[in-house]
Structure formats: C-alpha cells, structure tokens
Amino acid sequence: MATVATTQFADRLAEAVERKRSQLVVGLDPRPDLLPVELRGEAQEGREGAARACGRFCRGLVDAVAPYVVAVKPQVAFFEALGADGIAALEDACSYARAAGLQVIADGKRGDIGSTARAYAAAFIEGDAPLADALTVNPYLGRDSLEPYFAACRRDGAGIFCVVKTSNPGSADVQDLVLSDGRPVWQQVAELVAEWGAELVGEHGLSSVGAVVGATHPRAVGEARRLMPQAVLLLPGVGAQGATPADVARAFTSGPASALVNVSRDVIYAFRVAGVDWRSAAAAEASRYARDVWAVSGW
C-alpha cells in the first residue's frame, strides 16, 4: 500500500488543487446492481464476485477521473455491505487511488468515544501506510470523541471532515433545532469545528480539520464559510441531489482549496445516461464538473 509524507493534509490538498486547477472529488459508491454490463455477470456471482466487480469498477473510475480530480471519496458502507471481500476491495481502491496521486477521503462518518474512537482512527488514518488520507467523522459526541483523530492529524498528516450540516432533508430534525440564543445547533457545531481546527492550520492557511456542509443548502454554505474561515468545506449534494456548482460559490472565499465539491452518481454512473463506454462517460463528466466548479470558485 502506498505511503504518504507526513506533511499536513490541508497542505497536500492545497498543492493538488493549485496544480490541477480542480476542487472536484468523485465519490466511489459501487452498487453491484448498477455496474456496467461487462462487470454485471461477475457481480452476480455472490459476495465475492460482486466485490471483485466493484473493485474493477473503482479501478477503472480512478483511471478515468484522475486527470480531473484531486481526491476520491469511497463510501465505506457500499464496501462493508459485501463483507470481508468488500473490505478487501475498499483497501484495493484506496491504495490504487493513492498510487495515482489522488487524496483519499474515506466516508465512514465514524463517531464514538475512548478506545473505540482510537480503533477507528487506527483503522483509517494512522500509521505509515494508512487506508486513507482523511476520514469523515461525527462530532456530535464532543471533543473527547475526536481526540484520536486530532492526534492522527498532528502525528501522521491525516485530515478529518466533521459532519456539520448535511445535505439530506431530514437534517433539519436535529441540526436546525434552535438554541436559547437563537442560533441553530449546526452553527454551534461549526464554531466548535473552527476552534478545534485552529490547532492544525498548515502553511496554506487551511486546517486539517474540515467540515461536511451540504451543497443543497446554499445559504448554509455561505454561513459555514463565515463561521469556519480556515476549514476545508466538503460539499456533497451537487448533481443527483439537485445542487449546482453555482450554489457553492461562496464556499471558496478562503482560497481555491478551501472547499471541495463531491460528485458521485452523476460521474460514476454517467454511462447509464450517455450510452457510451463507462470510463469515457465518467471522464467527460468529471472534466465538465471540474471546469464548472473552478469557474464559479473565482480563482
């Protein structure tokens, strides 16, 4: 498995953004029932076959989108659903992407305390050859639940993205609850993320403690940027969920690398609409989204 230098995650990311003129992240969400025809037969051969097919799909996607993106974001659940063979496919996809020069953001949204949190950190972002460069985490259990991840950021050059305001409609059930001072809960969490991240700011002025903010809430994106000026914002929701690159323009005021736009289904399953080779379709959509996001970012 490829290793990474222990430079800060935010600095590695900023250098990649400036070099590629891209802030695009492509999500790797492999579903056996949606795979291209050439992989579908193998995908029907039980969990082992499905995991092999998903692994081949991810490798092909990495090859296709690597010129246009700075990172991939494997959704851990889709691999876990395939058991031990799926985990092997996840490890292969992460290693293959990192060997291609991409940052890997494992989307696991882990959140727990004590020894469990330390184990999650060890599983994903610790050591000389970690599975991923960064991990999405749930901060709603408080600072002590995040300490193992902060330690990995300091020691191993890892990054984390704290769930702050998510793209799903039901996020309002908890995240928009109003505090006694009139602010919604998610804004208090954003202020905590900014506070925690201040200890891990790199040479480019960005922190290795980032935040997940749904692009489907454009006003919240602007407010999140105000509250977390040094955080890299990871913005899901563009594409299949209905948000557009224009909806996230305000996220980039802290610099070209201060936000990342994640697109998953519109890229990896573009062949289902375009009717062309799945690799070519993914490359074309990644290229288009990268150009569109760069243009609205203002850099």
Protein backbone atom coordinates (compact mmCIF):
# COMPACT_ATOMS: atom_id res chain seq x y z
CA MET A 1 0.00 0.00 0.00
CA ALA A 2 1.27 3.48 -0.85
CA THR A 3 2.63 5.71 1.89
CA VAL A 4 2.29 9.46 2.28
CA ALA A 5 4.63 12.08 3.64
CA THR A 6 3.61 13.50 6.99
CA THR A 7 3.01 16.96 5.60
CA GLN A 8 -0.32 18.35 6.70
CA PHE A 9 -3.34 17.05 4.85
CA ALA A 10 -4.61 20.56 4.09
CA ASP A 11 -1.26 21.48 2.55
CA ARG A 12 -1.17 18.38 0.35
CA LEU A 13 -4.70 19.16 -0.74
CA ALA A 14 -3.93 22.82 -1.48
CA GLU A 15 -0.94 21.88 -3.60
CA ALA A 16 -3.03 19.39 -5.59
CA VAL A 17 -5.81 21.94 -6.15
CA GLU A 18 -3.39 24.57 -7.43
CA ARG A 19 -1.54 22.09 -9.63
CA LYS A 20 -4.66 20.60 -11.22
CA ARG A 21 -6.88 23.69 -11.09
CA SER A 22 -9.61 21.48 -9.71
CA GLN A 23 -11.61 21.24 -6.49
CA LEU A 24 -13.52 18.15 -7.55
CA VAL A 25 -13.87 14.97 -5.52
CA VAL A 26 -15.53 11.93 -7.05
CA GLY A 27 -17.38 9.59 -4.74
CA LEU A 28 -16.80 5.87 -5.19
CA ASP A 29 -20.21 4.37 -4.41
CA PRO A 30 -20.16 0.98 -6.17
CA ARG A 31 -23.51 -0.79 -6.34
CA PRO A 32 -23.49 -4.25 -7.95
CA ASP A 33 -26.94 -3.71 -9.48
CA LEU A 34 -25.80 -0.58 -11.31
CA LEU A 35 -22.47 -1.74 -12.70
CA PRO A 36 -21.68 -1.68 -16.44
CA VAL A 37 -22.73 -4.70 -18.50
CA GLU A 38 -19.18 -6.01 -18.77
CA LEU A 39 -18.98 -6.29 -14.96
CA ARG A 40 -22.54 -7.30 -14.18
CA GLY A 41 -22.08 -11.02 -14.79
CA GLU A 42 -19.29 -11.27 -12.26
CA ALA A 43 -21.29 -9.09 -9.85
CA GLN A 44 -24.00 -11.76 -9.76
CA GLU A 45 -21.62 -14.46 -8.50
CA GLY A 46 -22.28 -13.89 -4.82
CA ARG A 47 -20.47 -11.51 -2.48
CA GLU A 48 -17.01 -12.49 -3.64
CA GLY A 49 -17.87 -11.90 -7.30
CA ALA A 50 -19.69 -8.66 -6.51
CA ALA A 51 -16.68 -7.39 -4.55
CA ARG A 52 -14.32 -8.24 -7.43
CA ALA A 53 -16.59 -6.46 -9.89
CA CYS A 54 -16.86 -3.40 -7.64
CA GLY A 55 -13.09 -3.37 -7.25
CA ARG A 56 -12.59 -3.43 -11.03
CA PHE A 57 -15.20 -0.69 -11.37
CA CYS A 58 -13.36 1.52 -8.88
CA ARG A 59 -10.01 0.99 -10.55
CA GLY A 60 -11.49 1.93 -13.92
CA LEU A 61 -13.07 5.03 -12.43
CA VAL A 62 -9.82 6.12 -10.85
CA ASP A 63 -8.05 5.77 -14.20
CA ALA A 64 -10.81 7.78 -15.89
CA VAL A 65 -11.14 10.69 -13.46
CA ALA A 66 -7.58 11.03 -12.13
CA PRO A 67 -6.63 13.87 -14.53
CA TYR A 68 -9.57 15.99 -13.38
CA VAL A 69 -9.95 15.44 -9.63
CA VAL A 70 -7.86 15.96 -6.52
CA ALA A 71 -9.45 13.20 -4.46
CA VAL A 72 -11.84 10.28 -4.40
CA LYS A 73 -14.28 9.59 -1.60
CA PRO A 74 -15.09 5.89 -1.21
CA GLN A 75 -18.35 5.43 0.68
CA VAL A 76 -17.34 2.75 3.15
CA ALA A 77 -20.86 1.35 3.56
CA PHE A 78 -21.06 0.09 -0.02
CA PHE A 79 -17.92 -1.96 0.54
CA GLU A 80 -18.88 -3.16 4.02
CA ALA A 81 -22.14 -4.48 2.59
CA LEU A 82 -20.08 -7.07 0.68
CA GLY A 83 -18.38 -8.46 3.77
CA ALA A 84 -14.70 -9.32 4.01
CA ASP A 85 -14.33 -9.36 0.23
CA GLY A 86 -15.81 -5.86 0.12
CA ILE A 87 -13.29 -4.61 2.67
CA ALA A 88 -10.51 -6.04 0.51
CA ALA A 89 -11.99 -4.17 -2.46
CA LEU A 90 -12.05 -0.98 -0.39
CA GLU A 91 -8.40 -1.39 0.55
CA ASP A 92 -7.52 -2.01 -3.09
CA ALA A 93 -9.48 1.05 -4.30
CA CYS A 94 -7.83 3.31 -1.73
CA SER A 95 -4.34 2.02 -2.50
CA TYR A 96 -4.91 2.30 -6.24
CA ALA A 97 -6.18 5.88 -5.96
CA ARG A 98 -3.30 6.98 -3.79
CA ALA A 99 -0.82 5.38 -6.18
CA ALA A 100 -2.46 7.51 -8.88
CA GLY A 101 -1.57 10.62 -6.88
CA LEU A 102 -5.05 11.27 -5.50
CA GLN A 103 -6.04 12.06 -1.94
CA VAL A 104 -8.45 9.53 -0.46
CA ILE A 105 -11.27 10.63 1.82
CA ALA A 106 -12.88 7.61 3.47
CA ASP A 107 -16.55 8.40 4.00
CA GLY A 108 -17.31 6.45 7.15
CA LYS A 109 -18.85 9.15 9.39
CA ARG A 110 -17.38 7.41 12.40
CA GLY A 111 -18.31 8.65 15.87
CA ASP A 112 -17.59 7.02 19.22
CA ILE A 113 -15.58 7.51 22.38
CA GLY A 114 -12.49 6.19 24.13
CA SER A 115 -10.84 3.05 22.86
CA THR A 116 -13.43 2.68 20.06
CA ALA A 117 -12.55 6.07 18.60
CA ARG A 118 -8.87 5.18 18.81
CA ALA A 119 -9.57 1.96 16.92
CA TYR A 120 -11.44 3.82 14.19
CA ALA A 121 -8.53 6.23 13.83
CA ALA A 122 -6.10 3.32 13.61
CA ALA A 123 -8.28 1.57 11.02
CA PHE A 124 -8.46 4.52 8.63
CA ILE A 125 -5.86 7.26 9.05
CA GLU A 126 -3.00 6.27 11.34
CA GLY A 127 0.45 4.89 10.64
CA ASP A 128 2.96 4.93 7.81
CA ALA A 129 0.57 3.34 5.30
CA PRO A 130 -2.95 4.39 6.28
CA LEU A 131 -6.02 3.27 4.40
CA ALA A 132 -6.96 6.88 3.61
CA ASP A 133 -5.67 10.42 3.83
CA ALA A 134 -8.78 11.68 5.58
CA LEU A 135 -11.95 10.40 7.23
CA THR A 136 -15.42 11.84 7.71
CA VAL A 137 -16.38 11.84 11.39
CA ASN A 138 -19.41 12.67 13.52
CA PRO A 139 -18.59 15.44 16.05
CA TYR A 140 -21.90 15.24 17.92
CA LEU A 141 -20.30 13.18 20.70
CA GLY A 142 -17.99 16.07 21.62
CA ARG A 143 -14.29 16.79 21.62
CA ASP A 144 -13.12 13.74 23.54
CA SER A 145 -14.59 11.51 20.81
CA LEU A 146 -12.41 13.31 18.26
CA GLU A 147 -9.10 13.41 20.14
CA PRO A 148 -7.73 10.25 18.47
CA TYR A 149 -8.37 11.81 15.05
CA PHE A 150 -6.72 15.08 16.07
CA ALA A 151 -3.71 13.05 17.19
CA ALA A 152 -3.56 11.35 13.79
CA CYS A 153 -3.72 14.75 12.10
CA ARG A 154 -0.79 16.01 14.15
CA ARG A 155 1.33 12.87 14.02
CA ASP A 156 0.51 11.26 10.69
CA GLY A 157 -0.53 14.15 8.45
CA ALA A 158 -4.13 12.95 8.32
CA GLY A 159 -7.27 15.00 7.82
CA ILE A 160 -10.84 14.77 9.07
CA PHE A 161 -14.14 16.23 7.93
CA CYS A 162 -16.65 16.79 10.70
CA VAL A 163 -20.32 16.40 9.83
CA VAL A 164 -21.82 19.86 10.42
CA LYS A 165 -24.80 20.45 8.12
CA THR A 166 -25.81 17.54 5.91
CA SER A 167 -27.49 17.56 2.50
CA ASN A 168 -30.49 15.37 3.32
CA PRO A 169 -33.89 16.99 4.00
CA GLY A 170 -34.15 15.33 7.42
CA SER A 171 -31.01 17.08 8.65
CA ALA A 172 -33.29 19.83 9.96
CA ASP A 173 -34.74 17.45 12.56
CA VAL A 174 -31.66 17.91 14.74
CA GLN A 175 -29.20 20.23 13.05
CA ASP A 176 -31.67 23.13 12.71
CA LEU A 177 -33.03 22.98 16.25
CA VAL A 178 -32.82 26.46 17.75
CA LEU A 179 -30.64 27.11 20.78
CA SER A 180 -31.56 29.56 23.53
CA ASP A 181 -29.53 32.31 21.83
CA GLY A 182 -31.41 31.88 18.55
CA ARG A 183 -28.73 30.01 16.62
CA PRO A 184 -29.35 26.56 15.11
CA VAL A 185 -27.45 23.62 16.54
CA TRP A 186 -25.32 23.17 13.43
CA GLN A 187 -23.86 26.66 13.78
CA GLN A 188 -22.70 25.86 17.31
CA VAL A 189 -21.05 22.72 15.95
CA ALA A 190 -19.43 24.81 13.21
CA GLU A 191 -17.93 27.14 15.82
CA LEU A 192 -16.53 24.14 17.69
CA VAL A 193 -15.00 22.79 14.47
CA ALA A 194 -13.34 26.16 13.86
CA GLU A 195 -11.97 26.14 17.40
CA TRP A 196 -10.66 22.59 17.17
CA GLY A 197 -9.16 23.19 13.74
CA ALA A 198 -7.23 26.29 14.80
CA GLU A 199 -4.60 23.97 16.29
CA LEU A 200 -3.95 22.26 12.94
CA VAL A 201 -3.56 25.06 10.38
CA GLY A 202 -0.93 24.45 7.72
CA GLU A 203 1.29 26.64 5.60
CA HIS A 204 -1.55 27.44 3.18
CA GLY A 205 -3.71 28.86 5.96
CA LEU A 206 -6.13 25.93 5.96
CA SER A 207 -6.82 23.44 8.72
CA SER A 208 -6.68 19.67 8.51
CA VAL A 209 -9.97 19.70 10.44
CA GLY A 210 -12.60 20.30 7.77
CA ALA A 211 -16.38 20.20 7.70
CA VAL A 212 -19.11 18.48 5.71
CA VAL A 213 -21.75 21.00 4.59
CA GLY A 214 -24.49 20.06 2.17
CA ALA A 215 -24.45 21.96 -1.12
CA THR A 216 -28.23 21.62 -1.16
CA HIS A 217 -28.33 24.43 1.44
CA PRO A 218 -26.66 27.38 -0.36
CA ARG A 219 -27.33 29.88 2.43
CA ALA A 220 -25.84 27.50 4.96
CA VAL A 221 -22.74 27.13 2.77
CA GLY A 222 -22.11 30.86 2.98
CA GLU A 223 -22.74 30.93 6.72
CA ALA A 224 -20.50 27.92 7.24
CA ARG A 225 -17.67 29.68 5.44
CA ARG A 226 -18.08 32.72 7.72
CA LEU A 227 -18.05 30.57 10.85
CA MET A 228 -15.17 28.31 9.76
CA PRO A 229 -12.79 30.53 7.74
CA GLN A 230 -9.86 28.09 7.92
CA ALA A 231 -11.75 24.84 7.39
CA VAL A 232 -11.84 22.97 4.12
CA LEU A 233 -15.53 22.51 3.36
CA LEU A 234 -16.50 19.18 1.82
CA LEU A 235 -19.67 19.85 -0.16
CA PRO A 236 -21.83 16.87 -1.13
CA GLY A 237 -25.14 17.25 -2.95
CA VAL A 238 -24.08 18.59 -6.35
CA GLY A 239 -25.53 16.60 -9.21
CA ALA A 240 -28.05 13.88 -8.43
CA GLN A 241 -29.21 15.56 -5.21
CA GLY A 242 -30.06 18.75 -7.07
CA ALA A 243 -27.39 21.29 -6.16
CA THR A 244 -25.28 23.01 -8.84
CA PRO A 245 -21.74 24.42 -8.81
CA ALA A 246 -23.23 27.93 -8.60
CA ASP A 247 -24.79 27.02 -5.26
CA VAL A 248 -21.38 26.63 -3.63
CA ALA A 249 -19.53 29.68 -4.99
CA ARG A 250 -19.42 31.35 -1.57
CA ALA A 251 -17.51 28.41 -0.11
CA PHE A 252 -14.25 29.41 -1.84
CA THR A 253 -13.64 32.84 -0.34
CA SER A 254 -10.85 31.48 1.87
CA GLY A 255 -8.84 30.32 -1.15
CA PRO A 256 -9.05 27.96 -4.12
CA ALA A 257 -8.54 24.89 -1.92
CA SER A 258 -10.86 25.99 0.88
CA ALA A 259 -13.71 23.83 -0.42
CA LEU A 260 -14.13 20.55 -2.25
CA VAL A 261 -17.18 19.64 -4.30
CA ASN A 262 -18.12 15.98 -4.19
CA VAL A 263 -20.00 14.44 -7.12
CA SER A 264 -20.79 10.75 -7.09
CA ARG A 265 -23.67 9.32 -9.13
CA ASP A 266 -23.56 11.92 -11.92
CA VAL A 267 -19.98 10.88 -12.67
CA ILE A 268 -19.64 7.20 -11.87
CA TYR A 269 -22.97 6.20 -13.44
CA ALA A 270 -22.89 8.72 -16.28
CA PHE A 271 -22.74 5.84 -18.76
CA ARG A 272 -26.32 4.94 -17.88
CA VAL A 273 -27.44 8.26 -19.38
CA ALA A 274 -24.79 8.91 -22.01
CA GLY A 275 -24.89 5.44 -23.54
CA VAL A 276 -21.12 5.34 -24.09
CA ASP A 277 -18.22 3.46 -22.52
CA TRP A 278 -18.45 3.87 -18.74
CA ARG A 279 -14.88 5.09 -18.40
CA SER A 280 -15.27 7.67 -21.15
CA ALA A 281 -18.57 8.86 -19.67
CA ALA A 282 -17.05 9.25 -16.21
CA ALA A 283 -14.05 11.13 -17.58
CA ALA A 284 -16.24 13.51 -19.57
CA GLU A 285 -18.47 14.34 -16.59
CA ALA A 286 -15.52 14.74 -14.22
CA SER A 287 -13.86 17.11 -16.67
CA ARG A 288 -17.06 19.14 -17.02
CA TYR A 289 -17.70 19.42 -13.30
CA ALA A 290 -14.07 20.32 -12.58
CA ARG A 291 -14.22 23.19 -15.09
CA ASP A 292 -17.59 24.42 -13.82
CA VAL A 293 -16.55 24.38 -10.17
CA TRP A 294 -13.24 26.11 -10.89
CA ALA A 295 -15.08 28.82 -12.82
CA VAL A 296 -17.55 29.59 -10.02
CA SER A 297 -14.84 29.48 -7.36
CA GLY A 298 -13.43 32.73 -8.76
CA TRP A 299 -9.84 31.60 -8.86
